[in-house]
């Protein structure tokens, strides 16, 4: 629950401060956000399952973002950045929806 609250606070701070993103970082930001959302939903699911560990959450959060950014960087260097970016979003999207379904089952007992 703390992760969801922190995410909401982070979004509000971003909307209020309107930070600028350097041009070289723009291709990586959407992928990093999706990877971070995957970790957040995984953390919420783990909390509801009663197996949440803060260390695992932090490592998962950071490693998801770093690995996703490295895959996009590699795709850019190979000239297939768009395809690898799409692949990362699809894989992480599947994980996010899987975690969302598990959260829904916990919350609504369905």
PDB file of N, CA and C in Angstrom:
ATOM      1  N   UNK A   1       0.815  -1.184   0.000  1.00  0.00           N
ATOM      2  CA  UNK A   1       0.000   0.000   0.000  1.00  0.00           C
ATOM      3  C   UNK A   1       0.866   1.258   0.000  1.00  0.00           C
ATOM      4  N   UNK A   2       1.997   1.169   0.691  1.00  0.00           N
ATOM      5  CA  UNK A   2       2.908   2.309   0.728  1.00  0.00           C
ATOM      6  C   UNK A   2       3.411   2.627  -0.675  1.00  0.00           C
ATOM      7  N   UNK A   3       3.666   1.576  -1.464  1.00  0.00           N
ATOM      8  CA  UNK A   3       4.152   1.786  -2.828  1.00  0.00           C
ATOM      9  C   UNK A   3       3.117   2.533  -3.668  1.00  0.00           C
ATOM     10  N   UNK A   4       1.853   2.180  -3.533  1.00  0.00           N
ATOM     11  CA  UNK A   4       0.796   2.850  -4.294  1.00  0.00           C
ATOM     12  C   UNK A   4       0.665   4.313  -3.868  1.00  0.00           C
ATOM     13  N   UNK A   5       0.780   4.563  -2.575  1.00  0.00           N
ATOM     14  CA  UNK A   5       0.704   5.941  -2.076  1.00  0.00           C
ATOM     15  C   UNK A   5       1.901   6.748  -2.581  1.00  0.00           C
ATOM     16  N   UNK A   6       3.083   6.145  -2.530  1.00  0.00           N
ATOM     17  CA  UNK A   6       4.284   6.829  -3.022  1.00  0.00           C
ATOM     18  C   UNK A   6       4.180   7.111  -4.518  1.00  0.00           C
ATOM     19  N   UNK A   7       3.607   6.178  -5.263  1.00  0.00           N
ATOM     20  CA  UNK A   7       3.414   6.383  -6.698  1.00  0.00           C
ATOM     21  C   UNK A   7       2.471   7.558  -6.939  1.00  0.00           C
ATOM     22  N   UNK A   8       1.376   7.615  -6.213  1.00  0.00           N
ATOM     23  CA  UNK A   8       0.418   8.711  -6.368  1.00  0.00           C
ATOM     24  C   UNK A   8       1.062  10.057  -6.016  1.00  0.00           C
ATOM     25  N   UNK A   9       1.835  10.081  -4.948  1.00  0.00           N
ATOM     26  CA  UNK A   9       2.527  11.317  -4.558  1.00  0.00           C
ATOM     27  C   UNK A   9       3.531  11.719  -5.635  1.00  0.00           C
ATOM     28  N   UNK A  10       4.260  10.760  -6.159  1.00  0.00           N
ATOM     29  CA  UNK A  10       5.226  11.041  -7.223  1.00  0.00           C
ATOM     30  C   UNK A  10       4.570  11.604  -8.472  1.00  0.00           C
ATOM     31  N   UNK A  11       3.414  11.065  -8.840  1.00  0.00           N
ATOM     32  CA  UNK A  11       2.688  11.569 -10.006  1.00  0.00           C
ATOM     33  C   UNK A  11       2.221  13.002  -9.749  1.00  0.00           C
ATOM     34  N   UNK A  12       1.692  13.262  -8.565  1.00  0.00           N
ATOM     35  CA  UNK A  12       1.239  14.615  -8.245  1.00  0.00           C
ATOM     36  C   UNK A  12       2.389  15.612  -8.252  1.00  0.00           C
ATOM     37  N   UNK A  13       3.523  15.238  -7.665  1.00  0.00           N
ATOM     38  CA  UNK A  13       4.688  16.132  -7.659  1.00  0.00           C
ATOM     39  C   UNK A  13       5.150  16.401  -9.088  1.00  0.00           C
ATOM     40  N   UNK A  14       5.145  15.362  -9.922  1.00  0.00           N
ATOM     41  CA  UNK A  14       5.529  15.540 -11.323  1.00  0.00           C
ATOM     42  C   UNK A  14       4.590  16.463 -12.076  1.00  0.00           C
ATOM     43  N   UNK A  15       3.295  16.341 -11.800  1.00  0.00           N
ATOM     44  CA  UNK A  15       2.326  17.218 -12.463  1.00  0.00           C
ATOM     45  C   UNK A  15       2.469  18.667 -12.010  1.00  0.00           C
ATOM     46  N   UNK A  16       2.805  18.866 -10.745  1.00  0.00           N
ATOM     47  CA  UNK A  16       2.939  20.221 -10.218  1.00  0.00           C
ATOM     48  C   UNK A  16       4.246  20.857 -10.688  1.00  0.00           C
ATOM     49  N   UNK A  17       5.361  20.143 -10.584  1.00  0.00           N
ATOM     50  CA  UNK A  17       6.671  20.707 -10.918  1.00  0.00           C
ATOM     51  C   UNK A  17       6.983  20.692 -12.413  1.00  0.00           C
ATOM     52  N   UNK A  18       6.330  19.795 -13.162  1.00  0.00           N
ATOM     53  CA  UNK A  18       6.559  19.671 -14.609  1.00  0.00           C
ATOM     54  C   UNK A  18       8.048  19.624 -14.973  1.00  0.00           C
ATOM     55  N   UNK A  19       8.749  18.577 -14.534  1.00  0.00           N
ATOM     56  CA  UNK A  19      10.178  18.498 -14.851  1.00  0.00           C
ATOM     57  C   UNK A  19      10.399  18.258 -16.345  1.00  0.00           C
ATOM     58  N   UNK A  20      11.538  18.733 -16.831  1.00  0.00           N
ATOM     59  CA  UNK A  20      11.884  18.493 -18.232  1.00  0.00           C
ATOM     60  C   UNK A  20      12.794  17.272 -18.315  1.00  0.00           C
ATOM     61  N   UNK A  21      12.647  16.545 -19.397  1.00  0.00           N
ATOM     62  CA  UNK A  21      13.431  15.330 -19.610  1.00  0.00           C
ATOM     63  C   UNK A  21      14.452  15.621 -20.700  1.00  0.00           C
ATOM     64  N   UNK A  22      15.729  15.311 -20.448  1.00  0.00           N
ATOM     65  CA  UNK A  22      16.734  15.525 -21.496  1.00  0.00           C
ATOM     66  C   UNK A  22      16.389  14.714 -22.754  1.00  0.00           C
ATOM     67  N   UNK A  23      16.714  15.251 -23.905  1.00  0.00           N
ATOM     68  CA  UNK A  23      16.381  14.621 -25.176  1.00  0.00           C
ATOM     69  C   UNK A  23      16.943  13.208 -25.288  1.00  0.00           C
ATOM     70  N   UNK A  24      18.156  12.988 -24.804  1.00  0.00           N
ATOM     71  CA  UNK A  24      18.771  11.666 -24.930  1.00  0.00           C
ATOM     72  C   UNK A  24      18.067  10.629 -24.066  1.00  0.00           C
ATOM     73  N   UNK A  25      17.321  11.071 -23.069  1.00  0.00           N
ATOM     74  CA  UNK A  25      16.641  10.156 -22.151  1.00  0.00           C
ATOM     75  C   UNK A  25      15.208   9.845 -22.579  1.00  0.00           C
ATOM     76  N   UNK A  26      14.660  10.621 -23.495  1.00  0.00           N
ATOM     77  CA  UNK A  26      13.259  10.470 -23.893  1.00  0.00           C
ATOM     78  C   UNK A  26      12.870   9.074 -24.365  1.00  0.00           C
ATOM     79  N   UNK A  27      13.681   8.373 -25.146  1.00  0.00           N
ATOM     80  CA  UNK A  27      13.258   7.028 -25.579  1.00  0.00           C
ATOM     81  C   UNK A  27      13.166   6.021 -24.432  1.00  0.00           C
ATOM     82  N   UNK A  28      13.887   6.279 -23.355  1.00  0.00           N
ATOM     83  CA  UNK A  28      13.947   5.318 -22.251  1.00  0.00           C
ATOM     84  C   UNK A  28      12.902   5.557 -21.175  1.00  0.00           C
ATOM     85  N   UNK A  29      12.385   6.773 -21.094  1.00  0.00           N
ATOM     86  CA  UNK A  29      11.461   7.119 -20.018  1.00  0.00           C
ATOM     87  C   UNK A  29      10.166   6.301 -20.039  1.00  0.00           C
ATOM     88  N   UNK A  30       9.487   6.159 -21.181  1.00  0.00           N
ATOM     89  CA  UNK A  30       8.255   5.359 -21.156  1.00  0.00           C
ATOM     90  C   UNK A  30       8.496   3.906 -20.745  1.00  0.00           C
ATOM     91  N   UNK A  31       9.604   3.337 -21.184  1.00  0.00           N
ATOM     92  CA  UNK A  31       9.923   1.953 -20.839  1.00  0.00           C
ATOM     93  C   UNK A  31      10.235   1.867 -19.346  1.00  0.00           C
ATOM     94  N   UNK A  32      10.947   2.845 -18.819  1.00  0.00           N
ATOM     95  CA  UNK A  32      11.266   2.850 -17.391  1.00  0.00           C
ATOM     96  C   UNK A  32       9.997   2.973 -16.548  1.00  0.00           C
ATOM     97  N   UNK A  33       9.053   3.770 -17.005  1.00  0.00           N
ATOM     98  CA  UNK A  33       7.793   3.928 -16.269  1.00  0.00           C
ATOM     99  C   UNK A  33       7.014   2.614 -16.265  1.00  0.00           C
ATOM    100  N   UNK A  34       6.941   1.941 -17.402  1.00  0.00           N
ATOM    101  CA  UNK A  34       6.229   0.660 -17.467  1.00  0.00           C
ATOM    102  C   UNK A  34       6.925  -0.373 -16.588  1.00  0.00           C
ATOM    103  N   UNK A  35       8.256  -0.399 -16.604  1.00  0.00           N
ATOM    104  CA  UNK A  35       9.000  -1.336 -15.756  1.00  0.00           C
ATOM    105  C   UNK A  35       8.770  -1.032 -14.279  1.00  0.00           C
ATOM    106  N   UNK A  36       8.726   0.241 -13.925  1.00  0.00           N
ATOM    107  CA  UNK A  36       8.472   0.617 -12.539  1.00  0.00           C
ATOM    108  C   UNK A  36       7.053   0.235 -12.127  1.00  0.00           C
ATOM    109  N   UNK A  37       6.087   0.433 -13.013  1.00  0.00           N
ATOM    110  CA  UNK A  37       4.713   0.031 -12.710  1.00  0.00           C
ATOM    111  C   UNK A  37       4.610  -1.477 -12.492  1.00  0.00           C
ATOM    112  N   UNK A  38       5.370  -2.242 -13.265  1.00  0.00           N
ATOM    113  CA  UNK A  38       5.391  -3.692 -13.070  1.00  0.00           C
ATOM    114  C   UNK A  38       5.860  -4.026 -11.658  1.00  0.00           C
ATOM    115  N   UNK A  39       6.903  -3.371 -11.202  1.00  0.00           N
ATOM    116  CA  UNK A  39       7.411  -3.622  -9.851  1.00  0.00           C
ATOM    117  C   UNK A  39       6.402  -3.194  -8.790  1.00  0.00           C
ATOM    118  N   UNK A  40       5.735  -2.065  -9.007  1.00  0.00           N
ATOM    119  CA  UNK A  40       4.750  -1.582  -8.036  1.00  0.00           C
ATOM    120  C   UNK A  40       3.578  -2.559  -7.927  1.00  0.00           C
ATOM    121  N   UNK A  41       3.042  -2.993  -9.065  1.00  0.00           N
ATOM    122  CA  UNK A  41       1.937  -3.951  -9.025  1.00  0.00           C
ATOM    123  C   UNK A  41       2.376  -5.281  -8.428  1.00  0.00           C
ATOM    124  N   UNK A  42       3.619  -5.684  -8.712  1.00  0.00           N
ATOM    125  CA  UNK A  42       4.144  -6.897  -8.086  1.00  0.00           C
ATOM    126  C   UNK A  42       4.269  -6.749  -6.580  1.00  0.00           C
ATOM    127  N   UNK A  43       4.659  -5.567  -6.127  1.00  0.00           N
ATOM    128  CA  UNK A  43       4.760  -5.308  -4.690  1.00  0.00           C
ATOM    129  C   UNK A  43       3.403  -5.329  -4.008  1.00  0.00           C
ATOM    130  N   UNK A  44       2.408  -4.746  -4.671  1.00  0.00           N
ATOM    131  CA  UNK A  44       1.051  -4.767  -4.109  1.00  0.00           C
ATOM    132  C   UNK A  44       0.539  -6.195  -4.023  1.00  0.00           C
ATOM    133  N   UNK A  45       0.785  -6.961  -5.080  1.00  0.00           N
ATOM    134  CA  UNK A  45       0.354  -8.362  -5.069  1.00  0.00           C
ATOM    135  C   UNK A  45       1.056  -9.144  -3.962  1.00  0.00           C
ATOM    136  N   UNK A  46       2.356  -8.935  -3.814  1.00  0.00           N
ATOM    137  CA  UNK A  46       3.099  -9.631  -2.761  1.00  0.00           C
ATOM    138  C   UNK A  46       2.575  -9.252  -1.382  1.00  0.00           C
ATOM    139  N   UNK A  47       2.230  -7.998  -1.213  1.00  0.00           N
ATOM    140  CA  UNK A  47       1.684  -7.544   0.071  1.00  0.00           C
ATOM    141  C   UNK A  47       0.371  -8.253   0.378  1.00  0.00           C
ATOM    142  N   UNK A  48      -0.491  -8.351  -0.615  1.00  0.00           N
ATOM    143  CA  UNK A  48      -1.772  -9.031  -0.423  1.00  0.00           C
ATOM    144  C   UNK A  48      -1.591 -10.533  -0.200  1.00  0.00           C
ATOM    145  N   UNK A  49      -0.543 -11.111  -0.798  1.00  0.00           N
ATOM    146  CA  UNK A  49      -0.243 -12.533  -0.597  1.00  0.00           C
ATOM    147  C   UNK A  49       0.456 -12.782   0.727  1.00  0.00           C
ATOM    148  N   UNK A  50       0.879 -11.704   1.394  1.00  0.00           N
ATOM    149  CA  UNK A  50       1.550 -11.832   2.682  1.00  0.00           C
ATOM    150  C   UNK A  50       3.020 -12.200   2.578  1.00  0.00           C
ATOM    151  N   UNK A  51       3.624 -11.952   1.407  1.00  0.00           N
ATOM    152  CA  UNK A  51       5.042 -12.307   1.214  1.00  0.00           C
ATOM    153  C   UNK A  51       5.889 -11.100   0.827  1.00  0.00           C
ATOM    154  N   UNK A  52       5.391  -9.901   1.090  1.00  0.00           N
ATOM    155  CA  UNK A  52       6.120  -8.690   0.708  1.00  0.00           C
ATOM    156  C   UNK A  52       7.403  -8.563   1.512  1.00  0.00           C
ATOM    157  N   UNK A  53       8.482  -8.218   0.808  1.00  0.00           N
ATOM    158  CA  UNK A  53       9.772  -7.936   1.442  1.00  0.00           C
ATOM    159  C   UNK A  53      10.303  -6.653   0.808  1.00  0.00           C
ATOM    160  N   UNK A  54      10.601  -5.667   1.623  1.00  0.00           N
ATOM    161  CA  UNK A  54      11.037  -4.365   1.111  1.00  0.00           C
ATOM    162  C   UNK A  54      12.310  -4.473   0.278  1.00  0.00           C
ATOM    163  N   UNK A  55      13.253  -5.318   0.700  1.00  0.00           N
ATOM    164  CA  UNK A  55      14.498  -5.479  -0.062  1.00  0.00           C
ATOM    165  C   UNK A  55      14.209  -6.037  -1.447  1.00  0.00           C
ATOM    166  N   UNK A  56      13.353  -7.044  -1.507  1.00  0.00           N
ATOM    167  CA  UNK A  56      13.000  -7.640  -2.796  1.00  0.00           C
ATOM    168  C   UNK A  56      12.311  -6.615  -3.676  1.00  0.00           C
ATOM    169  N   UNK A  57      11.437  -5.801  -3.078  1.00  0.00           N
ATOM    170  CA  UNK A  57      10.745  -4.775  -3.849  1.00  0.00           C
ATOM    171  C   UNK A  57      11.725  -3.767  -4.445  1.00  0.00           C
ATOM    172  N   UNK A  58      12.637  -3.269  -3.632  1.00  0.00           N
ATOM    173  CA  UNK A  58      13.595  -2.269  -4.121  1.00  0.00           C
ATOM    174  C   UNK A  58      14.485  -2.856  -5.212  1.00  0.00           C
ATOM    175  N   UNK A  59      14.979  -4.061  -4.989  1.00  0.00           N
ATOM    176  CA  UNK A  59      15.825  -4.707  -6.002  1.00  0.00           C
ATOM    177  C   UNK A  59      15.028  -4.951  -7.278  1.00  0.00           C
ATOM    178  N   UNK A  60      13.786  -5.396  -7.147  1.00  0.00           N
ATOM    179  CA  UNK A  60      12.938  -5.623  -8.312  1.00  0.00           C
ATOM    180  C   UNK A  60      12.676  -4.324  -9.059  1.00  0.00           C
ATOM    181  N   UNK A  61      12.370  -3.268  -8.336  1.00  0.00           N
ATOM    182  CA  UNK A  61      12.091  -1.971  -8.934  1.00  0.00           C
ATOM    183  C   UNK A  61      13.294  -1.487  -9.742  1.00  0.00           C
ATOM    184  N   UNK A  62      14.446  -1.453  -9.101  1.00  0.00           N
ATOM    185  CA  UNK A  62      15.657  -0.939  -9.763  1.00  0.00           C
ATOM    186  C   UNK A  62      16.075  -1.843 -10.921  1.00  0.00           C
ATOM    187  N   UNK A  63      16.075  -3.150 -10.698  1.00  0.00           N
ATOM    188  CA  UNK A  63      16.525  -4.059 -11.761  1.00  0.00           C
ATOM    189  C   UNK A  63      15.572  -4.047 -12.949  1.00  0.00           C
ATOM    190  N   UNK A  64      14.260  -3.946 -12.715  1.00  0.00           N
ATOM    191  CA  UNK A  64      13.313  -3.862 -13.835  1.00  0.00           C
ATOM    192  C   UNK A  64      13.611  -2.640 -14.703  1.00  0.00           C
ATOM    193  N   UNK A  65      13.819  -1.510 -14.061  1.00  0.00           N
ATOM    194  CA  UNK A  65      14.071  -0.278 -14.809  1.00  0.00           C
ATOM    195  C   UNK A  65      15.393  -0.365 -15.555  1.00  0.00           C
ATOM    196  N   UNK A  66      16.432  -0.853 -14.899  1.00  0.00           N
ATOM    197  CA  UNK A  66      17.752  -0.938 -15.536  1.00  0.00           C
ATOM    198  C   UNK A  66      17.747  -1.929 -16.695  1.00  0.00           C
ATOM    199  N   UNK A  67      17.184  -3.107 -16.495  1.00  0.00           N
ATOM    200  CA  UNK A  67      17.160  -4.112 -17.564  1.00  0.00           C
ATOM    201  C   UNK A  67      16.333  -3.619 -18.747  1.00  0.00           C
ATOM    202  N   UNK A  68      15.181  -3.024 -18.486  1.00  0.00           N
ATOM    203  CA  UNK A  68      14.355  -2.504 -19.576  1.00  0.00           C
ATOM    204  C   UNK A  68      15.102  -1.419 -20.349  1.00  0.00           C
ATOM    205  N   UNK A  69      15.771  -0.521 -19.635  1.00  0.00           N
ATOM    206  CA  UNK A  69      16.536   0.540 -20.308  1.00  0.00           C
ATOM    207  C   UNK A  69      17.691  -0.043 -21.120  1.00  0.00           C
ATOM    208  N   UNK A  70      18.357  -1.055 -20.582  1.00  0.00           N
ATOM    209  CA  UNK A  70      19.454  -1.693 -21.328  1.00  0.00           C
ATOM    210  C   UNK A  70      18.952  -2.377 -22.598  1.00  0.00           C
ATOM    211  N   UNK A  71      17.796  -2.994 -22.527  1.00  0.00           N
ATOM    212  CA  UNK A  71      17.243  -3.642 -23.720  1.00  0.00           C
ATOM    213  C   UNK A  71      16.922  -2.606 -24.786  1.00  0.00           C
ATOM    214  N   UNK A  72      16.332  -1.491 -24.385  1.00  0.00           N
ATOM    215  CA  UNK A  72      16.025  -0.426 -25.343  1.00  0.00           C
ATOM    216  C   UNK A  72      17.309   0.184 -25.891  1.00  0.00           C
ATOM    217  N   UNK A  73      18.306   0.394 -25.034  1.00  0.00           N
ATOM    218  CA  UNK A  73      19.603   0.918 -25.487  1.00  0.00           C
ATOM    219  C   UNK A  73      20.240  -0.023 -26.508  1.00  0.00           C
ATOM    220  N   UNK A  74      20.218  -1.313 -26.208  1.00  0.00           N
ATOM    221  CA  UNK A  74      20.774  -2.298 -27.144  1.00  0.00           C
ATOM    222  C   UNK A  74      20.011  -2.275 -28.459  1.00  0.00           C
ATOM    223  N   UNK A  75      18.692  -2.168 -28.379  1.00  0.00           N
ATOM    224  CA  UNK A  75      17.888  -2.086 -29.600  1.00  0.00           C
ATOM    225  C   UNK A  75      18.226  -0.864 -30.428  1.00  0.00           C
ATOM    226  N   UNK A  76      18.464   0.259 -29.763  1.00  0.00           N
ATOM    227  CA  UNK A  76      18.865   1.475 -30.482  1.00  0.00           C
ATOM    228  C   UNK A  76      20.195   1.280 -31.184  1.00  0.00           C
ATOM    229  N   UNK A  77      21.138   0.649 -30.499  1.00  0.00           N
ATOM    230  CA  UNK A  77      22.462   0.432 -31.085  1.00  0.00           C
ATOM    231  C   UNK A  77      22.409  -0.558 -32.257  1.00  0.00           C
ATOM    232  N   UNK A  78      21.479  -1.509 -32.199  1.00  0.00           N
ATOM    233  CA  UNK A  78      21.330  -2.491 -33.278  1.00  0.00           C
ATOM    234  C   UNK A  78      20.429  -1.993 -34.401  1.00  0.00           C
ATOM    235  N   UNK A  79      19.773  -0.859 -34.183  1.00  0.00           N
ATOM    236  CA  UNK A  79      18.889  -0.302 -35.197  1.00  0.00           C
ATOM    237  C   UNK A  79      17.478  -0.861 -35.157  1.00  0.00           C
ATOM    238  N   UNK A  80      17.131  -1.554 -34.088  1.00  0.00           N
ATOM    239  CA  UNK A  80      15.781  -2.129 -33.956  1.00  0.00           C
ATOM    240  C   UNK A  80      15.150  -1.664 -32.646  1.00  0.00           C
ATOM    241  N   UNK A  81      15.394  -0.411 -32.284  1.00  0.00           N
ATOM    242  CA  UNK A  81      14.920   0.114 -31.008  1.00  0.00           C
ATOM    243  C   UNK A  81      13.418   0.033 -30.843  1.00  0.00           C
ATOM    244  N   UNK A  82      12.681   0.338 -31.910  1.00  0.00           N
ATOM    245  CA  UNK A  82      11.225   0.302 -31.824  1.00  0.00           C
ATOM    246  C   UNK A  82      10.684  -1.088 -31.552  1.00  0.00           C
ATOM    247  N   UNK A  83      11.273  -2.089 -32.215  1.00  0.00           N
ATOM    248  CA  UNK A  83      10.810  -3.456 -32.027  1.00  0.00           C
ATOM    249  C   UNK A  83      11.103  -3.957 -30.620  1.00  0.00           C
ATOM    250  N   UNK A  84      12.301  -3.684 -30.119  1.00  0.00           N
ATOM    251  CA  UNK A  84      12.627  -4.134 -28.763  1.00  0.00           C
ATOM    252  C   UNK A  84      11.839  -3.358 -27.716  1.00  0.00           C
ATOM    253  N   UNK A  85      11.579  -2.097 -27.964  1.00  0.00           N
ATOM    254  CA  UNK A  85      10.750  -1.321 -27.044  1.00  0.00           C
ATOM    255  C   UNK A  85       9.350  -1.908 -26.975  1.00  0.00           C
ATOM    256  N   UNK A  86       8.805  -2.266 -28.123  1.00  0.00           N
ATOM    257  CA  UNK A  86       7.481  -2.882 -28.159  1.00  0.00           C
ATOM    258  C   UNK A  86       7.483  -4.210 -27.423  1.00  0.00           C
ATOM    259  N   UNK A  87       8.529  -4.996 -27.620  1.00  0.00           N
ATOM    260  CA  UNK A  87       8.623  -6.290 -26.941  1.00  0.00           C
ATOM    261  C   UNK A  87       8.665  -6.111 -25.422  1.00  0.00           C
ATOM    262  N   UNK A  88       9.426  -5.141 -24.955  1.00  0.00           N
ATOM    263  CA  UNK A  88       9.513  -4.889 -23.516  1.00  0.00           C
ATOM    264  C   UNK A  88       8.155  -4.460 -22.967  1.00  0.00           C
ATOM    265  N   UNK A  89       7.468  -3.575 -23.672  1.00  0.00           N
ATOM    266  CA  UNK A  89       6.157  -3.116 -23.218  1.00  0.00           C
ATOM    267  C   UNK A  89       5.153  -4.271 -23.199  1.00  0.00           C
ATOM    268  N   UNK A  90       5.201  -5.143 -24.193  1.00  0.00           N
ATOM    269  CA  UNK A  90       4.279  -6.288 -24.227  1.00  0.00           C
ATOM    270  C   UNK A  90       4.535  -7.223 -23.049  1.00  0.00           C
ATOM    271  N   UNK A  91       5.803  -7.573 -22.827  1.00  0.00           N
ATOM    272  CA  UNK A  91       6.125  -8.492 -21.733  1.00  0.00           C
ATOM    273  C   UNK A  91       5.752  -7.886 -20.385  1.00  0.00           C
ATOM    274  N   UNK A  92       6.144  -6.655 -20.160  1.00  0.00           N
ATOM    275  CA  UNK A  92       5.816  -6.017 -18.885  1.00  0.00           C
ATOM    276  C   UNK A  92       4.315  -5.768 -18.754  1.00  0.00           C
ATOM    277  N   UNK A  93       3.655  -5.473 -19.859  1.00  0.00           N
ATOM    278  CA  UNK A  93       2.204  -5.304 -19.834  1.00  0.00           C
ATOM    279  C   UNK A  93       1.492  -6.578 -19.420  1.00  0.00           C
ATOM    280  N   UNK A  94       1.958  -7.705 -19.924  1.00  0.00           N
ATOM    281  CA  UNK A  94       1.382  -8.996 -19.532  1.00  0.00           C
ATOM    282  C   UNK A  94       1.565  -9.218 -18.036  1.00  0.00           C
ATOM    283  N   UNK A  95       2.746  -8.906 -17.534  1.00  0.00           N
ATOM    284  CA  UNK A  95       3.002  -9.065 -16.094  1.00  0.00           C
ATOM    285  C   UNK A  95       2.132  -8.124 -15.256  1.00  0.00           C
ATOM    286  N   UNK A  96       1.970  -6.892 -15.724  1.00  0.00           N
ATOM    287  CA  UNK A  96       1.143  -5.926 -15.002  1.00  0.00           C
ATOM    288  C   UNK A  96      -0.301  -6.417 -14.945  1.00  0.00           C
ATOM    289  N   UNK A  97      -0.841  -6.876 -16.063  1.00  0.00           N
ATOM    290  CA  UNK A  97      -2.221  -7.355 -16.072  1.00  0.00           C
ATOM    291  C   UNK A  97      -2.380  -8.625 -15.249  1.00  0.00           C
ATOM    292  N   UNK A  98      -1.371  -9.468 -15.224  1.00  0.00           N
ATOM    293  CA  UNK A  98      -1.417 -10.669 -14.385  1.00  0.00           C
ATOM    294  C   UNK A  98      -1.463 -10.289 -12.909  1.00  0.00           C
ATOM    295  N   UNK A  99      -0.610  -9.350 -12.523  1.00  0.00           N
ATOM    296  CA  UNK A  99      -0.621  -8.879 -11.137  1.00  0.00           C
ATOM    297  C   UNK A  99      -1.928  -8.160 -10.803  1.00  0.00           C
ATOM    298  N   UNK A 100      -2.454  -7.377 -11.752  1.00  0.00           N
ATOM    299  CA  UNK A 100      -3.721  -6.679 -11.515  1.00  0.00           C
ATOM    300  C   UNK A 100      -4.859  -7.680 -11.323  1.00  0.00           C
ATOM    301  N   UNK A 101      -4.833  -8.765 -12.084  1.00  0.00           N
ATOM    302  CA  UNK A 101      -5.868  -9.792 -11.921  1.00  0.00           C
ATOM    303  C   UNK A 101      -5.767 -10.444 -10.541  1.00  0.00           C
ATOM    304  N   UNK A 102      -4.558 -10.722 -10.088  1.00  0.00           N
ATOM    305  CA  UNK A 102      -4.376 -11.319  -8.761  1.00  0.00           C
ATOM    306  C   UNK A 102      -4.814 -10.346  -7.669  1.00  0.00           C
ATOM    307  N   UNK A 103      -4.519  -9.059  -7.837  1.00  0.00           N
ATOM    308  CA  UNK A 103      -4.954  -8.048  -6.876  1.00  0.00           C
ATOM    309  C   UNK A 103      -6.479  -7.978  -6.851  1.00  0.00           C
ATOM    310  N   UNK A 104      -7.081  -7.999  -8.029  1.00  0.00           N
ATOM    311  CA  UNK A 104      -8.538  -7.972  -8.098  1.00  0.00           C
ATOM    312  C   UNK A 104      -9.153  -9.174  -7.380  1.00  0.00           C
ATOM    313  N   UNK A 105      -8.558 -10.360  -7.561  1.00  0.00           N
ATOM    314  CA  UNK A 105      -9.065 -11.550  -6.886  1.00  0.00           C
ATOM    315  C   UNK A 105      -8.955 -11.405  -5.370  1.00  0.00           C
ATOM    316  N   UNK A 106      -7.880 -10.807  -4.895  1.00  0.00           N
ATOM    317  CA  UNK A 106      -7.722 -10.596  -3.447  1.00  0.00           C
ATOM    318  C   UNK A 106      -8.753  -9.592  -2.920  1.00  0.00           C
ATOM    319  N   UNK A 107      -8.900  -8.493  -3.627  1.00  0.00           N
ATOM    320  CA  UNK A 107      -9.755  -7.418  -3.136  1.00  0.00           C
ATOM    321  C   UNK A 107     -11.234  -7.809  -3.197  1.00  0.00           C
ATOM    322  N   UNK A 108     -11.664  -8.394  -4.306  1.00  0.00           N
ATOM    323  CA  UNK A 108     -13.076  -8.704  -4.494  1.00  0.00           C
ATOM    324  C   UNK A 108     -13.436 -10.161  -4.211  1.00  0.00           C
ATOM    325  N   UNK A 109     -12.446 -10.936  -3.812  1.00  0.00           N
ATOM    326  CA  UNK A 109     -12.650 -12.360  -3.520  1.00  0.00           C
ATOM    327  C   UNK A 109     -13.305 -13.080  -4.692  1.00  0.00           C
ATOM    328  N   UNK A 110     -12.899 -12.681  -5.902  1.00  0.00           N
ATOM    329  CA  UNK A 110     -13.487 -13.297  -7.104  1.00  0.00           C
ATOM    330  C   UNK A 110     -12.407 -13.831  -8.009  1.00  0.00           C
TER     331      UNK A 110
END
